[in-house]
């Protein structure tokens, strides 16, 4: 089993990574990731106005549909779960209340309403 939390979006947003990782998973084993993402796809350069002042391209946020389309290209897996998790608001609230100076950087962003476009995506696939 391979598990990735809040990191797969940085290196897994391409067709090459999933097959490479699956080489370390036995048949019937699982690949699971939880990543931050968007609630929907936005055309290139057309992010919502609330998001634009805060957006950083290195976030690599994508929608469930985007991730599903990518993972469905891999013939060596069966996707068993790919969904928005219900914990997004609570996770952000907890993070913003932490004493981390890094977390405080995002308070203004969330106060501007950007959070309504965010989600946390669960992806689980079984190697066939």
C-alpha atoms as a PDB file:
ATOM      1  CA  UNK A   1       0.000   0.000   0.000  1.00  0.00           C
ATOM      2  CA  UNK A   2       1.143   3.512  -0.781  1.00  0.00           C
ATOM      3  CA  UNK A   3      -0.425   6.449   1.048  1.00  0.00           C
ATOM      4  CA  UNK A   4       0.166  10.104   0.251  1.00  0.00           C
ATOM      5  CA  UNK A   5      -1.367  12.978   2.212  1.00  0.00           C
ATOM      6  CA  UNK A   6      -1.077  16.562   0.963  1.00  0.00           C
ATOM      7  CA  UNK A   7       1.833  15.843  -1.361  1.00  0.00           C
ATOM      8  CA  UNK A   8       0.710  13.823  -4.396  1.00  0.00           C
ATOM      9  CA  UNK A   9      -0.530  16.991  -6.126  1.00  0.00           C
ATOM     10  CA  UNK A  10       3.072  18.223  -6.361  1.00  0.00           C
ATOM     11  CA  UNK A  11       4.480  15.234  -8.229  1.00  0.00           C
ATOM     12  CA  UNK A  12       1.534  13.104  -9.380  1.00  0.00           C
ATOM     13  CA  UNK A  13      -0.270  15.397 -11.800  1.00  0.00           C
ATOM     14  CA  UNK A  14       1.062  13.637 -14.880  1.00  0.00           C
ATOM     15  CA  UNK A  15       0.643  10.313 -16.662  1.00  0.00           C
ATOM     16  CA  UNK A  16       4.093   9.020 -15.680  1.00  0.00           C
ATOM     17  CA  UNK A  17       3.948   9.005 -11.880  1.00  0.00           C
ATOM     18  CA  UNK A  18       1.095   6.603 -11.101  1.00  0.00           C
ATOM     19  CA  UNK A  19       2.595   3.693 -13.100  1.00  0.00           C
ATOM     20  CA  UNK A  20       5.981   4.306 -11.457  1.00  0.00           C
ATOM     21  CA  UNK A  21       4.481   4.156  -7.981  1.00  0.00           C
ATOM     22  CA  UNK A  22       2.384   1.117  -8.828  1.00  0.00           C
ATOM     23  CA  UNK A  23       5.573  -0.825  -9.545  1.00  0.00           C
ATOM     24  CA  UNK A  24       6.039  -0.882  -5.745  1.00  0.00           C
ATOM     25  CA  UNK A  25       2.515  -2.208  -5.059  1.00  0.00           C
ATOM     26  CA  UNK A  26       1.646  -5.892  -5.238  1.00  0.00           C
ATOM     27  CA  UNK A  27      -1.379  -7.083  -7.200  1.00  0.00           C
ATOM     28  CA  UNK A  28      -4.482  -6.327  -5.150  1.00  0.00           C
ATOM     29  CA  UNK A  29      -2.630  -3.653  -3.170  1.00  0.00           C
ATOM     30  CA  UNK A  30      -3.824  -0.090  -2.808  1.00  0.00           C
ATOM     31  CA  UNK A  31      -2.642   3.355  -3.818  1.00  0.00           C
ATOM     32  CA  UNK A  32      -4.305   6.131  -1.802  1.00  0.00           C
ATOM     33  CA  UNK A  33      -3.897   9.889  -1.838  1.00  0.00           C
ATOM     34  CA  UNK A  34      -5.593  12.850  -0.205  1.00  0.00           C
ATOM     35  CA  UNK A  35      -4.902  16.170  -1.897  1.00  0.00           C
ATOM     36  CA  UNK A  36      -6.245  19.703  -1.753  1.00  0.00           C
ATOM     37  CA  UNK A  37      -8.114  20.722  -4.851  1.00  0.00           C
ATOM     38  CA  UNK A  38     -10.781  22.824  -6.486  1.00  0.00           C
ATOM     39  CA  UNK A  39     -14.500  22.063  -6.441  1.00  0.00           C
ATOM     40  CA  UNK A  40     -14.553  22.403 -10.239  1.00  0.00           C
ATOM     41  CA  UNK A  41     -12.254  22.914 -13.199  1.00  0.00           C
ATOM     42  CA  UNK A  42     -11.418  26.455 -14.250  1.00  0.00           C
ATOM     43  CA  UNK A  43     -10.150  27.306 -17.743  1.00  0.00           C
ATOM     44  CA  UNK A  44      -6.515  28.391 -17.906  1.00  0.00           C
ATOM     45  CA  UNK A  45      -6.197  31.954 -16.625  1.00  0.00           C
ATOM     46  CA  UNK A  46      -9.860  32.167 -15.592  1.00  0.00           C
ATOM     47  CA  UNK A  47      -9.814  31.592 -11.860  1.00  0.00           C
ATOM     48  CA  UNK A  48     -12.625  33.193  -9.842  1.00  0.00           C
ATOM     49  CA  UNK A  49     -11.929  36.818  -8.913  1.00  0.00           C
ATOM     50  CA  UNK A  50     -11.680  35.933  -5.200  1.00  0.00           C
ATOM     51  CA  UNK A  51      -8.929  33.418  -5.924  1.00  0.00           C
ATOM     52  CA  UNK A  52      -6.790  35.520  -8.278  1.00  0.00           C
ATOM     53  CA  UNK A  53      -5.009  37.768  -5.721  1.00  0.00           C
ATOM     54  CA  UNK A  54      -3.901  34.736  -3.699  1.00  0.00           C
ATOM     55  CA  UNK A  55      -3.268  32.110  -6.374  1.00  0.00           C
ATOM     56  CA  UNK A  56       0.143  30.478  -6.571  1.00  0.00           C
ATOM     57  CA  UNK A  57       0.743  28.143  -9.545  1.00  0.00           C
ATOM     58  CA  UNK A  58       2.802  25.802  -7.374  1.00  0.00           C
ATOM     59  CA  UNK A  59      -0.367  24.801  -5.505  1.00  0.00           C
ATOM     60  CA  UNK A  60      -1.318  22.366  -8.317  1.00  0.00           C
ATOM     61  CA  UNK A  61      -5.020  22.299  -7.390  1.00  0.00           C
ATOM     62  CA  UNK A  62      -7.286  20.253  -9.635  1.00  0.00           C
ATOM     63  CA  UNK A  63     -10.868  18.995  -9.421  1.00  0.00           C
ATOM     64  CA  UNK A  64     -12.138  15.470  -8.771  1.00  0.00           C
ATOM     65  CA  UNK A  65     -13.029  15.220 -12.467  1.00  0.00           C
ATOM     66  CA  UNK A  66      -9.481  16.178 -13.454  1.00  0.00           C
ATOM     67  CA  UNK A  67      -7.920  13.567 -11.157  1.00  0.00           C
ATOM     68  CA  UNK A  68     -10.425  10.910 -12.255  1.00  0.00           C
ATOM     69  CA  UNK A  69      -9.603  11.534 -15.929  1.00  0.00           C
ATOM     70  CA  UNK A  70      -5.889  11.194 -15.157  1.00  0.00           C
ATOM     71  CA  UNK A  71      -6.197   8.022 -13.073  1.00  0.00           C
ATOM     72  CA  UNK A  72      -8.605   6.392 -15.553  1.00  0.00           C
ATOM     73  CA  UNK A  73      -5.781   6.439 -18.116  1.00  0.00           C
ATOM     74  CA  UNK A  74      -3.883   3.881 -16.017  1.00  0.00           C
ATOM     75  CA  UNK A  75      -4.976   0.383 -17.128  1.00  0.00           C
ATOM     76  CA  UNK A  76      -3.324  -1.317 -14.147  1.00  0.00           C
ATOM     77  CA  UNK A  77      -5.818  -0.075 -11.549  1.00  0.00           C
ATOM     78  CA  UNK A  78      -9.442  -0.093 -10.536  1.00  0.00           C
ATOM     79  CA  UNK A  79     -10.499   3.173  -8.922  1.00  0.00           C
ATOM     80  CA  UNK A  80     -12.352   2.281  -5.733  1.00  0.00           C
ATOM     81  CA  UNK A  81     -12.913   5.831  -4.440  1.00  0.00           C
ATOM     82  CA  UNK A  82     -12.419   9.279  -5.867  1.00  0.00           C
ATOM     83  CA  UNK A  83     -14.487  11.918  -4.107  1.00  0.00           C
ATOM     84  CA  UNK A  84     -14.598  15.199  -2.268  1.00  0.00           C
ATOM     85  CA  UNK A  85     -14.044  14.606   1.431  1.00  0.00           C
ATOM     86  CA  UNK A  86     -16.384  16.310   3.888  1.00  0.00           C
ATOM     87  CA  UNK A  87     -13.503  17.484   6.088  1.00  0.00           C
ATOM     88  CA  UNK A  88     -12.317  20.466   4.010  1.00  0.00           C
ATOM     89  CA  UNK A  89     -13.810  23.277   6.095  1.00  0.00           C
ATOM     90  CA  UNK A  90     -12.792  21.678   9.391  1.00  0.00           C
ATOM     91  CA  UNK A  91      -9.248  21.048   8.142  1.00  0.00           C
ATOM     92  CA  UNK A  92      -8.868  24.673   7.040  1.00  0.00           C
ATOM     93  CA  UNK A  93     -10.392  25.986  10.287  1.00  0.00           C
ATOM     94  CA  UNK A  94      -7.974  23.884  12.335  1.00  0.00           C
ATOM     95  CA  UNK A  95      -5.013  24.987  10.214  1.00  0.00           C
ATOM     96  CA  UNK A  96      -5.883  28.689  10.403  1.00  0.00           C
ATOM     97  CA  UNK A  97      -6.191  28.502  14.196  1.00  0.00           C
ATOM     98  CA  UNK A  98      -2.747  26.960  14.561  1.00  0.00           C
ATOM     99  CA  UNK A  99       0.138  29.109  15.825  1.00  0.00           C
ATOM    100  CA  UNK A 100       2.116  28.505  12.632  1.00  0.00           C
ATOM    101  CA  UNK A 101       3.150  31.770  10.945  1.00  0.00           C
ATOM    102  CA  UNK A 102       2.692  29.947   7.643  1.00  0.00           C
ATOM    103  CA  UNK A 103      -0.964  29.274   8.477  1.00  0.00           C
ATOM    104  CA  UNK A 104      -1.564  32.920   9.313  1.00  0.00           C
ATOM    105  CA  UNK A 105      -0.576  33.817   5.755  1.00  0.00           C
ATOM    106  CA  UNK A 106      -3.838  32.219   4.564  1.00  0.00           C
ATOM    107  CA  UNK A 107      -6.280  33.929   6.942  1.00  0.00           C
ATOM    108  CA  UNK A 108      -6.963  36.870   4.589  1.00  0.00           C
ATOM    109  CA  UNK A 109      -7.427  34.468   1.689  1.00  0.00           C
ATOM    110  CA  UNK A 110     -10.105  32.503   3.491  1.00  0.00           C
ATOM    111  CA  UNK A 111     -11.770  35.669   4.780  1.00  0.00           C
ATOM    112  CA  UNK A 112     -12.048  36.801   1.133  1.00  0.00           C
ATOM    113  CA  UNK A 113     -14.196  33.741   0.384  1.00  0.00           C
ATOM    114  CA  UNK A 114     -11.665  31.654  -1.494  1.00  0.00           C
ATOM    115  CA  UNK A 115     -12.510  28.577   0.584  1.00  0.00           C
ATOM    116  CA  UNK A 116     -15.799  28.029  -1.249  1.00  0.00           C
ATOM    117  CA  UNK A 117     -13.740  26.881  -4.249  1.00  0.00           C
ATOM    118  CA  UNK A 118     -11.541  24.462  -2.278  1.00  0.00           C
ATOM    119  CA  UNK A 119     -12.026  20.831  -1.388  1.00  0.00           C
ATOM    120  CA  UNK A 120      -9.987  17.878  -0.232  1.00  0.00           C
ATOM    121  CA  UNK A 121      -9.969  14.970  -2.639  1.00  0.00           C
ATOM    122  CA  UNK A 122      -9.688  11.315  -1.656  1.00  0.00           C
ATOM    123  CA  UNK A 123      -8.321   8.960  -4.309  1.00  0.00           C
ATOM    124  CA  UNK A 124      -8.010   5.210  -3.807  1.00  0.00           C
ATOM    125  CA  UNK A 125      -7.176   2.629  -6.447  1.00  0.00           C
ATOM    126  CA  UNK A 126      -6.483  -1.096  -6.342  1.00  0.00           C
ATOM    127  CA  UNK A 127      -3.785  -2.600  -8.516  1.00  0.00           C
ATOM    128  CA  UNK A 128      -5.163  -5.287 -10.825  1.00  0.00           C
END
